[in-house]
N, C-alpha and C. Protein backbone atom coordinates (compact mmCIF):
# COMPACT_ATOMS: atom_id res chain seq x y z
N UNK A 1 68.21 88.40 86.36
CA UNK A 1 69.66 88.51 86.37
C UNK A 1 70.04 89.97 86.08
N UNK A 2 71.04 90.44 86.79
CA UNK A 2 71.49 91.81 86.62
C UNK A 2 72.47 91.90 85.46
N UNK A 3 72.31 92.93 84.65
CA UNK A 3 73.17 93.12 83.49
C UNK A 3 74.47 93.81 83.90
N UNK A 4 75.60 93.38 83.31
CA UNK A 4 76.89 94.00 83.60
C UNK A 4 76.93 95.41 83.03
N UNK A 5 77.53 96.32 83.79
CA UNK A 5 77.73 97.68 83.31
C UNK A 5 79.22 97.91 83.16
N UNK A 6 79.61 98.55 82.07
CA UNK A 6 81.01 98.79 81.79
C UNK A 6 81.27 100.30 81.74
N UNK A 7 82.49 100.71 82.08
CA UNK A 7 82.83 102.13 81.95
C UNK A 7 82.72 102.57 80.49
N UNK A 8 82.63 103.86 80.28
CA UNK A 8 82.54 104.42 78.94
C UNK A 8 83.71 103.92 78.09
N UNK A 9 83.41 103.45 76.90
CA UNK A 9 84.45 102.96 75.99
C UNK A 9 84.79 101.49 76.18
N UNK A 10 84.21 100.86 77.16
CA UNK A 10 84.46 99.45 77.44
C UNK A 10 83.23 98.63 77.11
N UNK A 11 83.45 97.37 76.74
CA UNK A 11 82.36 96.42 76.54
C UNK A 11 82.88 95.04 76.93
N UNK A 12 82.02 94.06 76.84
CA UNK A 12 82.41 92.71 77.27
C UNK A 12 83.59 92.18 76.47
N UNK A 13 83.62 92.45 75.17
CA UNK A 13 84.71 91.95 74.34
C UNK A 13 86.05 92.54 74.77
N UNK A 14 86.05 93.83 75.08
CA UNK A 14 87.30 94.48 75.51
C UNK A 14 87.77 93.91 76.85
N UNK A 15 86.84 93.71 77.76
CA UNK A 15 87.19 93.13 79.06
C UNK A 15 87.77 91.74 78.88
N UNK A 16 87.17 90.95 78.01
CA UNK A 16 87.68 89.59 77.77
C UNK A 16 89.09 89.62 77.17
N UNK A 17 89.35 90.57 76.26
CA UNK A 17 90.70 90.69 75.67
C UNK A 17 91.73 91.03 76.74
N UNK A 18 91.39 91.94 77.64
CA UNK A 18 92.32 92.32 78.71
C UNK A 18 92.57 91.13 79.62
N UNK A 19 91.51 90.44 80.01
CA UNK A 19 91.67 89.26 80.88
C UNK A 19 92.52 88.19 80.21
N UNK A 20 92.28 87.97 78.92
CA UNK A 20 93.05 86.98 78.18
C UNK A 20 94.53 87.36 78.13
N UNK A 21 94.82 88.64 77.92
CA UNK A 21 96.20 89.12 77.89
C UNK A 21 96.91 88.78 79.19
N UNK A 22 96.28 89.10 80.32
CA UNK A 22 96.93 88.86 81.61
C UNK A 22 96.95 87.39 82.00
N UNK A 23 95.97 86.61 81.55
CA UNK A 23 95.98 85.17 81.81
C UNK A 23 97.13 84.48 81.09
N UNK A 24 97.47 84.97 79.90
CA UNK A 24 98.53 84.36 79.09
C UNK A 24 99.93 84.91 79.42
N UNK A 25 99.99 85.98 80.15
CA UNK A 25 101.26 86.65 80.42
C UNK A 25 102.13 85.81 81.36
N UNK A 26 103.41 85.67 81.01
CA UNK A 26 104.33 84.96 81.90
C UNK A 26 104.72 85.89 83.05
N UNK A 27 105.30 85.33 84.08
CA UNK A 27 105.74 86.14 85.21
C UNK A 27 106.81 87.15 84.78
N UNK A 28 107.71 86.73 83.89
CA UNK A 28 108.75 87.63 83.39
C UNK A 28 108.14 88.80 82.62
N UNK A 29 107.13 88.52 81.80
CA UNK A 29 106.47 89.58 81.05
C UNK A 29 105.74 90.55 81.99
N UNK A 30 105.14 90.01 83.04
CA UNK A 30 104.44 90.86 84.01
C UNK A 30 105.41 91.78 84.73
N UNK A 31 106.57 91.24 85.12
CA UNK A 31 107.58 92.05 85.79
C UNK A 31 108.09 93.14 84.85
N UNK A 32 108.35 92.78 83.60
CA UNK A 32 108.84 93.77 82.62
C UNK A 32 107.80 94.87 82.42
N UNK A 33 106.53 94.51 82.36
CA UNK A 33 105.47 95.51 82.20
C UNK A 33 105.42 96.45 83.40
N UNK A 34 105.53 95.88 84.61
CA UNK A 34 105.53 96.71 85.82
C UNK A 34 106.74 97.64 85.85
N UNK A 35 107.90 97.13 85.52
CA UNK A 35 109.12 97.95 85.53
C UNK A 35 109.02 99.09 84.52
N UNK A 36 108.45 98.81 83.36
CA UNK A 36 108.29 99.85 82.34
C UNK A 36 107.36 100.95 82.85
N UNK A 37 106.32 100.56 83.57
CA UNK A 37 105.39 101.56 84.12
C UNK A 37 106.10 102.46 85.12
N UNK A 38 106.99 101.90 85.93
CA UNK A 38 107.72 102.70 86.91
C UNK A 38 108.72 103.65 86.26
N UNK A 39 109.18 103.33 85.06
CA UNK A 39 110.16 104.19 84.38
C UNK A 39 109.52 105.35 83.63
N UNK A 40 108.22 105.34 83.45
CA UNK A 40 107.56 106.42 82.69
C UNK A 40 107.80 107.76 83.37
N UNK A 41 108.10 108.76 82.58
CA UNK A 41 108.35 110.10 83.10
C UNK A 41 107.08 110.93 83.24
N UNK A 42 106.01 110.54 82.54
CA UNK A 42 104.78 111.32 82.56
C UNK A 42 103.77 110.84 83.59
N UNK A 43 104.17 109.88 84.42
CA UNK A 43 103.29 109.36 85.46
C UNK A 43 104.10 109.11 86.72
N UNK A 44 103.40 108.91 87.82
CA UNK A 44 104.07 108.55 89.06
C UNK A 44 103.29 107.45 89.75
N UNK A 45 103.95 106.72 90.59
CA UNK A 45 103.33 105.65 91.36
C UNK A 45 103.42 106.05 92.82
N UNK A 46 102.29 105.96 93.52
CA UNK A 46 102.25 106.37 94.92
C UNK A 46 101.57 105.29 95.76
N UNK A 47 101.96 105.22 97.01
CA UNK A 47 101.26 104.38 97.97
C UNK A 47 100.40 105.32 98.80
N UNK A 48 99.10 105.05 98.81
CA UNK A 48 98.17 105.90 99.55
C UNK A 48 97.30 105.03 100.44
N UNK A 49 96.81 105.59 101.53
CA UNK A 49 95.90 104.82 102.38
C UNK A 49 94.63 104.43 101.60
N UNK A 50 94.16 103.20 101.77
CA UNK A 50 93.00 102.72 101.04
C UNK A 50 91.78 103.63 101.17
N UNK A 51 91.51 104.20 102.33
CA UNK A 51 90.32 105.06 102.42
C UNK A 51 90.37 106.27 101.49
N UNK A 52 91.56 106.67 101.05
CA UNK A 52 91.68 107.83 100.15
C UNK A 52 91.49 107.47 98.67
N UNK A 53 91.53 106.20 98.33
CA UNK A 53 91.46 105.79 96.93
C UNK A 53 90.19 106.31 96.23
N UNK A 54 89.01 106.18 96.81
CA UNK A 54 87.82 106.71 96.11
C UNK A 54 87.90 108.21 95.84
N UNK A 55 88.40 108.98 96.80
CA UNK A 55 88.51 110.43 96.60
C UNK A 55 89.53 110.75 95.51
N UNK A 56 90.63 110.04 95.47
CA UNK A 56 91.66 110.26 94.45
C UNK A 56 91.11 109.88 93.08
N UNK A 57 90.38 108.77 93.01
CA UNK A 57 89.78 108.35 91.75
C UNK A 57 88.81 109.40 91.23
N UNK A 58 87.97 109.95 92.11
CA UNK A 58 87.04 111.00 91.69
C UNK A 58 87.78 112.23 91.20
N UNK A 59 88.86 112.61 91.87
CA UNK A 59 89.65 113.76 91.45
C UNK A 59 90.22 113.55 90.05
N UNK A 60 90.76 112.38 89.79
CA UNK A 60 91.31 112.08 88.47
C UNK A 60 90.20 112.10 87.42
N UNK A 61 89.05 111.52 87.74
CA UNK A 61 87.93 111.50 86.78
C UNK A 61 87.47 112.91 86.46
N UNK A 62 87.46 113.81 87.44
CA UNK A 62 87.02 115.19 87.22
C UNK A 62 87.94 115.93 86.26
N UNK A 63 89.20 115.55 86.22
CA UNK A 63 90.15 116.23 85.34
C UNK A 63 89.86 115.94 83.88
N UNK A 64 89.14 114.88 83.59
CA UNK A 64 88.75 114.57 82.22
C UNK A 64 89.76 113.69 81.51
N UNK A 65 89.32 113.08 80.40
CA UNK A 65 90.21 112.17 79.66
C UNK A 65 91.39 112.92 79.05
N UNK A 66 92.54 112.25 79.06
CA UNK A 66 93.72 112.82 78.41
C UNK A 66 94.50 113.81 79.25
N UNK A 67 93.98 114.21 80.38
CA UNK A 67 94.68 115.19 81.20
C UNK A 67 95.61 114.55 82.20
N UNK A 68 95.51 113.23 82.39
CA UNK A 68 96.37 112.57 83.35
C UNK A 68 97.78 112.35 82.80
N UNK A 69 97.87 112.00 81.55
CA UNK A 69 99.17 111.68 80.97
C UNK A 69 99.78 112.90 80.30
N UNK A 70 101.09 112.90 80.24
CA UNK A 70 101.80 113.94 79.50
C UNK A 70 101.73 115.30 80.13
N UNK A 71 102.08 115.39 81.39
CA UNK A 71 102.03 116.70 82.04
C UNK A 71 103.00 117.65 81.36
N UNK A 72 102.72 118.93 81.47
CA UNK A 72 103.57 119.93 80.82
C UNK A 72 104.92 120.05 81.48
N UNK A 73 104.96 119.84 82.78
CA UNK A 73 106.20 120.05 83.51
C UNK A 73 106.41 118.89 84.47
N UNK A 74 107.50 118.12 84.33
CA UNK A 74 107.72 117.01 85.26
C UNK A 74 107.96 117.53 86.67
N UNK A 75 107.55 116.75 87.64
CA UNK A 75 107.74 117.13 89.03
C UNK A 75 109.14 116.72 89.46
N UNK A 76 110.08 117.62 89.33
CA UNK A 76 111.47 117.33 89.66
C UNK A 76 111.69 117.01 91.12
N UNK A 77 110.80 117.48 91.99
CA UNK A 77 110.96 117.23 93.42
C UNK A 77 110.83 115.75 93.73
N UNK A 78 110.12 115.00 92.91
CA UNK A 78 109.92 113.59 93.18
C UNK A 78 110.90 112.70 92.45
N UNK A 79 111.78 113.29 91.66
CA UNK A 79 112.77 112.52 90.93
C UNK A 79 114.00 112.30 91.83
N UNK A 80 114.65 111.14 91.70
CA UNK A 80 115.87 110.95 92.50
C UNK A 80 116.93 111.96 92.08
N UNK A 81 117.74 112.43 93.02
CA UNK A 81 118.75 113.41 92.66
C UNK A 81 119.77 112.80 91.70
N UNK A 82 120.24 113.61 90.78
CA UNK A 82 121.25 113.15 89.83
C UNK A 82 122.56 112.93 90.58
N UNK A 83 123.28 111.91 90.18
CA UNK A 83 124.56 111.61 90.81
C UNK A 83 125.60 112.60 90.30
N UNK A 84 126.22 113.30 91.22
CA UNK A 84 127.29 114.24 90.84
C UNK A 84 128.61 113.70 91.37
N UNK A 85 129.58 113.55 90.48
CA UNK A 85 130.87 113.03 90.95
C UNK A 85 131.52 114.00 91.92
N UNK A 86 132.16 113.44 92.94
CA UNK A 86 132.86 114.28 93.92
C UNK A 86 134.18 114.76 93.36
N UNK A 87 134.49 115.99 93.69
CA UNK A 87 135.80 116.51 93.33
C UNK A 87 136.70 116.30 94.52
N UNK A 88 137.83 115.83 94.26
CA UNK A 88 138.65 115.54 95.42
C UNK A 88 140.03 115.80 95.23
C-alpha cells in the first residue's frame, strides 16, 4: 500500500479537521465564507485557463511562504472605480 504524502506543515489530522469543517458547514456558511474571500483587499480572485494552473501554482510557490498575502501596494487598476456623484 502506498503511503499518503502531505504538503509541508500538513498531516493526516490536519486534513481530517479541514474535511470535517467543510462537511459540517451549511450552505449559508459556505456562501458567507466565499463572499468574505472576495472582499479581501490583500488578495484577488481570477479565472484562468486550466492549462495555466500548474505554472501559476509553481510561480506562487517560488515566491515563498508569506509573500502572497499582504502586498505592499494594492493593485488599484483591478478595483472597481469609485462612484462619483454627478454635478448637474
